[in-house]
């Protein structure tokens, strides 16, 4: 009998954690249900029971990872005026959780404009952040010459791109590419410029 059979939440968590690694390494098409189950030490039938199929598990992984990022780097209306600090938190998250960006890249390669997993919930998550930035703009805490959605996109891109293309970072920054603290400082400084009014 599966030792985790009666611990439903614990079993789901172990499967999600194992799936993050498998999907990040091999993508949703290359990942194998049996490999995920083996990593988790759980019978693969639990995957079908809890998530329906491999695609359902991939959707659950993306949603879970996004929730973890949101918890680690909140952007509430009262904090949105300090966009540079938010960018630093996002950088820190990607630095310690490189698999999240890999999952997003795999998703982008797989969907190519098609239907996205858990699109409605994920769009709602981003809409809340955009609304926080818009509120900060209305309050005068941020410049309003750039729409809030574009502002969030710029910060997300700046915070993530270091980890998306490390080879380009090495070519651009040389030895400094081996100093993540210096990269974080550079990021925060750049985003501070976005916060400035003319």
C-alpha atoms as a PDB file:
ATOM      1  CA  UNK A   1       0.000   0.000   0.000  1.00  0.00           C
ATOM      2  CA  UNK A   2       1.213   3.533  -0.813  1.00  0.00           C
ATOM      3  CA  UNK A   3       2.564   4.994   2.472  1.00  0.00           C
ATOM      4  CA  UNK A   4       1.208   8.428   1.535  1.00  0.00           C
ATOM      5  CA  UNK A   5      -2.269   7.143   0.600  1.00  0.00           C
ATOM      6  CA  UNK A   6      -4.014   8.795   3.535  1.00  0.00           C
ATOM      7  CA  UNK A   7      -2.051  12.052   3.397  1.00  0.00           C
ATOM      8  CA  UNK A   8      -3.710  13.542   0.328  1.00  0.00           C
ATOM      9  CA  UNK A   9      -2.207  17.031   0.643  1.00  0.00           C
ATOM     10  CA  UNK A  10       1.259  15.655   1.418  1.00  0.00           C
ATOM     11  CA  UNK A  11       1.030  13.309  -1.559  1.00  0.00           C
ATOM     12  CA  UNK A  12      -0.043  16.131  -3.877  1.00  0.00           C
ATOM     13  CA  UNK A  13       2.787  18.331  -2.609  1.00  0.00           C
ATOM     14  CA  UNK A  14       5.396  15.614  -3.200  1.00  0.00           C
ATOM     15  CA  UNK A  15       4.061  15.013  -6.696  1.00  0.00           C
ATOM     16  CA  UNK A  16       4.107  18.730  -7.504  1.00  0.00           C
ATOM     17  CA  UNK A  17       7.675  19.091  -6.255  1.00  0.00           C
ATOM     18  CA  UNK A  18       8.830  16.088  -8.277  1.00  0.00           C
ATOM     19  CA  UNK A  19       6.938  17.313 -11.331  1.00  0.00           C
ATOM     20  CA  UNK A  20       8.571  20.746 -11.156  1.00  0.00           C
ATOM     21  CA  UNK A  21      11.976  19.149 -11.602  1.00  0.00           C
ATOM     22  CA  UNK A  22      10.909  16.708 -14.308  1.00  0.00           C
ATOM     23  CA  UNK A  23       9.016  19.331 -16.330  1.00  0.00           C
ATOM     24  CA  UNK A  24      11.804  21.903 -15.948  1.00  0.00           C
ATOM     25  CA  UNK A  25      14.369  19.423 -17.227  1.00  0.00           C
ATOM     26  CA  UNK A  26      12.380  17.784 -20.019  1.00  0.00           C
ATOM     27  CA  UNK A  27       9.389  19.980 -20.780  1.00  0.00           C
ATOM     28  CA  UNK A  28       5.766  18.869 -20.764  1.00  0.00           C
ATOM     29  CA  UNK A  29       6.177  16.646 -23.815  1.00  0.00           C
ATOM     30  CA  UNK A  30       9.411  14.977 -22.684  1.00  0.00           C
ATOM     31  CA  UNK A  31       8.454  14.488 -19.042  1.00  0.00           C
ATOM     32  CA  UNK A  32       7.247  11.032 -18.063  1.00  0.00           C
ATOM     33  CA  UNK A  33       4.555  10.292 -15.506  1.00  0.00           C
ATOM     34  CA  UNK A  34       6.484   7.248 -14.279  1.00  0.00           C
ATOM     35  CA  UNK A  35       9.607   9.358 -13.725  1.00  0.00           C
ATOM     36  CA  UNK A  36       7.644  11.953 -11.753  1.00  0.00           C
ATOM     37  CA  UNK A  37       6.080   9.242  -9.597  1.00  0.00           C
ATOM     38  CA  UNK A  38       9.489   7.638  -9.027  1.00  0.00           C
ATOM     39  CA  UNK A  39      11.024  10.972  -7.983  1.00  0.00           C
ATOM     40  CA  UNK A  40       8.168  11.478  -5.523  1.00  0.00           C
ATOM     41  CA  UNK A  41       8.254   7.883  -4.307  1.00  0.00           C
ATOM     42  CA  UNK A  42       4.533   7.588  -5.006  1.00  0.00           C
ATOM     43  CA  UNK A  43       2.471   5.274  -7.194  1.00  0.00           C
ATOM     44  CA  UNK A  44       1.849   6.942 -10.562  1.00  0.00           C
ATOM     45  CA  UNK A  45      -1.864   6.189 -10.308  1.00  0.00           C
ATOM     46  CA  UNK A  46      -2.045   9.021  -7.771  1.00  0.00           C
ATOM     47  CA  UNK A  47      -1.132  11.472 -10.544  1.00  0.00           C
ATOM     48  CA  UNK A  48      -4.187  10.430 -12.534  1.00  0.00           C
ATOM     49  CA  UNK A  49      -6.338  10.444  -9.414  1.00  0.00           C
ATOM     50  CA  UNK A  50      -5.348  13.945  -8.302  1.00  0.00           C
ATOM     51  CA  UNK A  51      -4.507  15.738 -11.560  1.00  0.00           C
ATOM     52  CA  UNK A  52      -6.319  13.815 -14.303  1.00  0.00           C
ATOM     53  CA  UNK A  53      -3.379  13.415 -16.671  1.00  0.00           C
ATOM     54  CA  UNK A  54       0.098  14.751 -17.386  1.00  0.00           C
ATOM     55  CA  UNK A  55      -1.245  18.000 -18.845  1.00  0.00           C
ATOM     56  CA  UNK A  56      -3.385  18.523 -15.757  1.00  0.00           C
ATOM     57  CA  UNK A  57      -0.302  18.018 -13.610  1.00  0.00           C
ATOM     58  CA  UNK A  58       1.666  20.518 -15.727  1.00  0.00           C
ATOM     59  CA  UNK A  59      -1.130  23.067 -15.274  1.00  0.00           C
ATOM     60  CA  UNK A  60      -1.132  22.454 -11.522  1.00  0.00           C
ATOM     61  CA  UNK A  61       2.653  22.885 -11.412  1.00  0.00           C
ATOM     62  CA  UNK A  62       2.516  26.222 -13.259  1.00  0.00           C
ATOM     63  CA  UNK A  63      -0.279  27.506 -11.045  1.00  0.00           C
ATOM     64  CA  UNK A  64       1.531  26.398  -7.897  1.00  0.00           C
ATOM     65  CA  UNK A  65       4.806  27.973  -9.005  1.00  0.00           C
ATOM     66  CA  UNK A  66       3.082  31.254  -9.822  1.00  0.00           C
ATOM     67  CA  UNK A  67       1.439  31.276  -6.392  1.00  0.00           C
ATOM     68  CA  UNK A  68       4.840  30.707  -4.776  1.00  0.00           C
ATOM     69  CA  UNK A  69       6.329  33.616  -6.724  1.00  0.00           C
ATOM     70  CA  UNK A  70       3.393  35.840  -5.725  1.00  0.00           C
ATOM     71  CA  UNK A  71       3.824  34.914  -2.065  1.00  0.00           C
ATOM     72  CA  UNK A  72       7.580  35.546  -2.192  1.00  0.00           C
ATOM     73  CA  UNK A  73       7.264  38.888  -3.995  1.00  0.00           C
ATOM     74  CA  UNK A  74       3.903  40.501  -3.257  1.00  0.00           C
ATOM     75  CA  UNK A  75       2.919  43.691  -5.047  1.00  0.00           C
ATOM     76  CA  UNK A  76       0.089  45.215  -3.063  1.00  0.00           C
ATOM     77  CA  UNK A  77      -1.197  48.724  -3.738  1.00  0.00           C
ATOM     78  CA  UNK A  78       0.581  50.138  -0.681  1.00  0.00           C
ATOM     79  CA  UNK A  79       3.927  48.643  -1.797  1.00  0.00           C
ATOM     80  CA  UNK A  80       3.632  49.258  -5.541  1.00  0.00           C
ATOM     81  CA  UNK A  81       5.287  52.669  -5.314  1.00  0.00           C
ATOM     82  CA  UNK A  82       8.578  50.934  -4.503  1.00  0.00           C
ATOM     83  CA  UNK A  83       8.873  49.124  -7.787  1.00  0.00           C
ATOM     84  CA  UNK A  84      12.639  48.696  -7.458  1.00  0.00           C
ATOM     85  CA  UNK A  85      12.236  46.743  -4.228  1.00  0.00           C
ATOM     86  CA  UNK A  86       9.670  44.521  -5.921  1.00  0.00           C
ATOM     87  CA  UNK A  87      12.091  43.915  -8.812  1.00  0.00           C
ATOM     88  CA  UNK A  88      14.766  42.901  -6.317  1.00  0.00           C
ATOM     89  CA  UNK A  89      12.399  40.380  -4.717  1.00  0.00           C
ATOM     90  CA  UNK A  90      11.523  38.896  -8.116  1.00  0.00           C
ATOM     91  CA  UNK A  91      15.242  38.654  -8.956  1.00  0.00           C
ATOM     92  CA  UNK A  92      15.866  36.876  -5.644  1.00  0.00           C
ATOM     93  CA  UNK A  93      13.073  34.416  -6.345  1.00  0.00           C
ATOM     94  CA  UNK A  94      14.383  33.531  -9.802  1.00  0.00           C
ATOM     95  CA  UNK A  95      17.885  33.211  -8.389  1.00  0.00           C
ATOM     96  CA  UNK A  96      16.769  30.580  -5.889  1.00  0.00           C
ATOM     97  CA  UNK A  97      14.052  28.981  -8.057  1.00  0.00           C
ATOM     98  CA  UNK A  98      15.506  28.739 -11.590  1.00  0.00           C
ATOM     99  CA  UNK A  99      13.023  26.037 -12.551  1.00  0.00           C
ATOM    100  CA  UNK A 100      10.136  28.536 -12.737  1.00  0.00           C
ATOM    101  CA  UNK A 101      11.550  30.347 -15.761  1.00  0.00           C
ATOM    102  CA  UNK A 102      12.372  27.047 -17.425  1.00  0.00           C
ATOM    103  CA  UNK A 103       8.746  25.995 -16.982  1.00  0.00           C
ATOM    104  CA  UNK A 104       7.548  29.248 -18.547  1.00  0.00           C
ATOM    105  CA  UNK A 105       9.935  28.771 -21.470  1.00  0.00           C
ATOM    106  CA  UNK A 106       8.715  25.224 -22.033  1.00  0.00           C
ATOM    107  CA  UNK A 107       5.152  26.468 -21.886  1.00  0.00           C
ATOM    108  CA  UNK A 108       5.902  29.158 -24.453  1.00  0.00           C
ATOM    109  CA  UNK A 109       7.477  26.636 -26.799  1.00  0.00           C
ATOM    110  CA  UNK A 110       4.580  24.232 -26.362  1.00  0.00           C
ATOM    111  CA  UNK A 111       1.658  26.617 -26.716  1.00  0.00           C
ATOM    112  CA  UNK A 112       2.897  29.076 -29.388  1.00  0.00           C
ATOM    113  CA  UNK A 113      -0.218  31.221 -29.118  1.00  0.00           C
ATOM    114  CA  UNK A 114      -2.535  28.346 -28.216  1.00  0.00           C
ATOM    115  CA  UNK A 115      -4.537  27.840 -25.058  1.00  0.00           C
ATOM    116  CA  UNK A 116      -2.585  28.364 -21.842  1.00  0.00           C
ATOM    117  CA  UNK A 117      -2.918  26.176 -18.751  1.00  0.00           C
ATOM    118  CA  UNK A 118      -4.998  27.828 -16.021  1.00  0.00           C
ATOM    119  CA  UNK A 119      -5.071  30.997 -18.137  1.00  0.00           C
ATOM    120  CA  UNK A 120      -7.952  32.652 -16.289  1.00  0.00           C
ATOM    121  CA  UNK A 121      -6.461  32.234 -12.805  1.00  0.00           C
ATOM    122  CA  UNK A 122      -3.047  33.324 -13.977  1.00  0.00           C
ATOM    123  CA  UNK A 123      -4.396  36.359 -15.838  1.00  0.00           C
ATOM    124  CA  UNK A 124      -6.282  37.337 -12.691  1.00  0.00           C
ATOM    125  CA  UNK A 125      -3.028  37.160 -10.711  1.00  0.00           C
ATOM    126  CA  UNK A 126      -1.318  39.533 -13.125  1.00  0.00           C
ATOM    127  CA  UNK A 127      -4.372  41.809 -13.280  1.00  0.00           C
ATOM    128  CA  UNK A 128      -4.117  42.319  -9.509  1.00  0.00           C
ATOM    129  CA  UNK A 129      -0.489  43.431  -9.859  1.00  0.00           C
ATOM    130  CA  UNK A 130      -1.322  45.753 -12.739  1.00  0.00           C
ATOM    131  CA  UNK A 131      -4.169  47.232 -10.668  1.00  0.00           C
ATOM    132  CA  UNK A 132      -1.749  47.840  -7.777  1.00  0.00           C
ATOM    133  CA  UNK A 133       0.630  49.690 -10.083  1.00  0.00           C
ATOM    134  CA  UNK A 134      -2.221  51.710 -11.589  1.00  0.00           C
ATOM    135  CA  UNK A 135      -3.346  52.692  -8.091  1.00  0.00           C
ATOM    136  CA  UNK A 136       0.197  53.788  -7.240  1.00  0.00           C
ATOM    137  CA  UNK A 137       0.249  55.857 -10.432  1.00  0.00           C
ATOM    138  CA  UNK A 138      -3.061  57.536  -9.564  1.00  0.00           C
ATOM    139  CA  UNK A 139      -1.711  58.285  -6.087  1.00  0.00           C
ATOM    140  CA  UNK A 140       1.367  59.924  -7.603  1.00  0.00           C
ATOM    141  CA  UNK A 141       3.790  57.314  -6.229  1.00  0.00           C
ATOM    142  CA  UNK A 142       4.800  56.247  -9.759  1.00  0.00           C
ATOM    143  CA  UNK A 143       4.947  58.145 -13.052  1.00  0.00           C
ATOM    144  CA  UNK A 144       1.896  57.578 -15.229  1.00  0.00           C
ATOM    145  CA  UNK A 145       3.424  58.148 -18.667  1.00  0.00           C
ATOM    146  CA  UNK A 146       3.773  54.367 -19.148  1.00  0.00           C
ATOM    147  CA  UNK A 147       0.628  52.219 -18.734  1.00  0.00           C
ATOM    148  CA  UNK A 148       0.732  49.990 -15.658  1.00  0.00           C
ATOM    149  CA  UNK A 149       0.701  46.738 -17.659  1.00  0.00           C
ATOM    150  CA  UNK A 150       3.741  47.818 -19.667  1.00  0.00           C
ATOM    151  CA  UNK A 151       5.475  48.860 -16.474  1.00  0.00           C
ATOM    152  CA  UNK A 152       4.904  45.467 -14.879  1.00  0.00           C
ATOM    153  CA  UNK A 153       6.075  43.729 -18.050  1.00  0.00           C
ATOM    154  CA  UNK A 154       9.282  45.800 -18.113  1.00  0.00           C
ATOM    155  CA  UNK A 155      10.082  44.999 -14.488  1.00  0.00           C
ATOM    156  CA  UNK A 156       9.304  41.291 -14.904  1.00  0.00           C
ATOM    157  CA  UNK A 157      11.518  41.127 -17.996  1.00  0.00           C
ATOM    158  CA  UNK A 158      14.388  43.008 -16.351  1.00  0.00           C
ATOM    159  CA  UNK A 159      14.234  40.801 -13.254  1.00  0.00           C
ATOM    160  CA  UNK A 160      14.085  37.522 -15.160  1.00  0.00           C
ATOM    161  CA  UNK A 161      16.264  37.959 -18.203  1.00  0.00           C
ATOM    162  CA  UNK A 162      19.507  37.497 -16.252  1.00  0.00           C
ATOM    163  CA  UNK A 163      18.479  33.890 -15.659  1.00  0.00           C
ATOM    164  CA  UNK A 164      16.836  33.312 -19.021  1.00  0.00           C
ATOM    165  CA  UNK A 165      19.944  33.972 -21.095  1.00  0.00           C
ATOM    166  CA  UNK A 166      22.976  33.653 -18.788  1.00  0.00           C
ATOM    167  CA  UNK A 167      25.245  33.257 -21.818  1.00  0.00           C
ATOM    168  CA  UNK A 168      24.283  36.749 -23.033  1.00  0.00           C
ATOM    169  CA  UNK A 169      24.799  38.159 -19.532  1.00  0.00           C
ATOM    170  CA  UNK A 170      28.329  36.683 -19.534  1.00  0.00           C
ATOM    171  CA  UNK A 171      29.076  38.262 -22.911  1.00  0.00           C
ATOM    172  CA  UNK A 172      27.768  41.652 -21.816  1.00  0.00           C
ATOM    173  CA  UNK A 173      29.088  41.807 -18.258  1.00  0.00           C
ATOM    174  CA  UNK A 174      32.156  39.568 -18.304  1.00  0.00           C
ATOM    175  CA  UNK A 175      33.364  38.653 -14.817  1.00  0.00           C
ATOM    176  CA  UNK A 176      30.503  40.593 -13.210  1.00  0.00           C
ATOM    177  CA  UNK A 177      28.134  37.917 -14.532  1.00  0.00           C
ATOM    178  CA  UNK A 178      29.495  35.720 -11.740  1.00  0.00           C
ATOM    179  CA  UNK A 179      28.391  38.254  -9.133  1.00  0.00           C
ATOM    180  CA  UNK A 180      24.617  38.026  -8.654  1.00  0.00           C
ATOM    181  CA  UNK A 181      24.694  40.670  -5.914  1.00  0.00           C
ATOM    182  CA  UNK A 182      26.130  43.180  -8.399  1.00  0.00           C
ATOM    183  CA  UNK A 183      23.502  42.171 -10.965  1.00  0.00           C
ATOM    184  CA  UNK A 184      20.753  42.673  -8.394  1.00  0.00           C
ATOM    185  CA  UNK A 185      22.124  46.105  -7.530  1.00  0.00           C
ATOM    186  CA  UNK A 186      22.193  47.006 -11.220  1.00  0.00           C
ATOM    187  CA  UNK A 187      18.609  45.819 -11.641  1.00  0.00           C
ATOM    188  CA  UNK A 188      17.334  47.813  -8.665  1.00  0.00           C
ATOM    189  CA  UNK A 189      19.151  50.904  -9.944  1.00  0.00           C
ATOM    190  CA  UNK A 190      17.582  50.517 -13.404  1.00  0.00           C
ATOM    191  CA  UNK A 191      14.096  50.098 -11.985  1.00  0.00           C
ATOM    192  CA  UNK A 192      14.586  53.140  -9.738  1.00  0.00           C
ATOM    193  CA  UNK A 193      14.965  55.081 -13.003  1.00  0.00           C
ATOM    194  CA  UNK A 194      11.530  53.847 -14.074  1.00  0.00           C
ATOM    195  CA  UNK A 195      10.112  55.294 -10.877  1.00  0.00           C
ATOM    196  CA  UNK A 196      11.451  58.792 -11.540  1.00  0.00           C
ATOM    197  CA  UNK A 197       9.248  61.594 -12.777  1.00  0.00           C
ATOM    198  CA  UNK A 198      10.557  64.172 -15.241  1.00  0.00           C
END
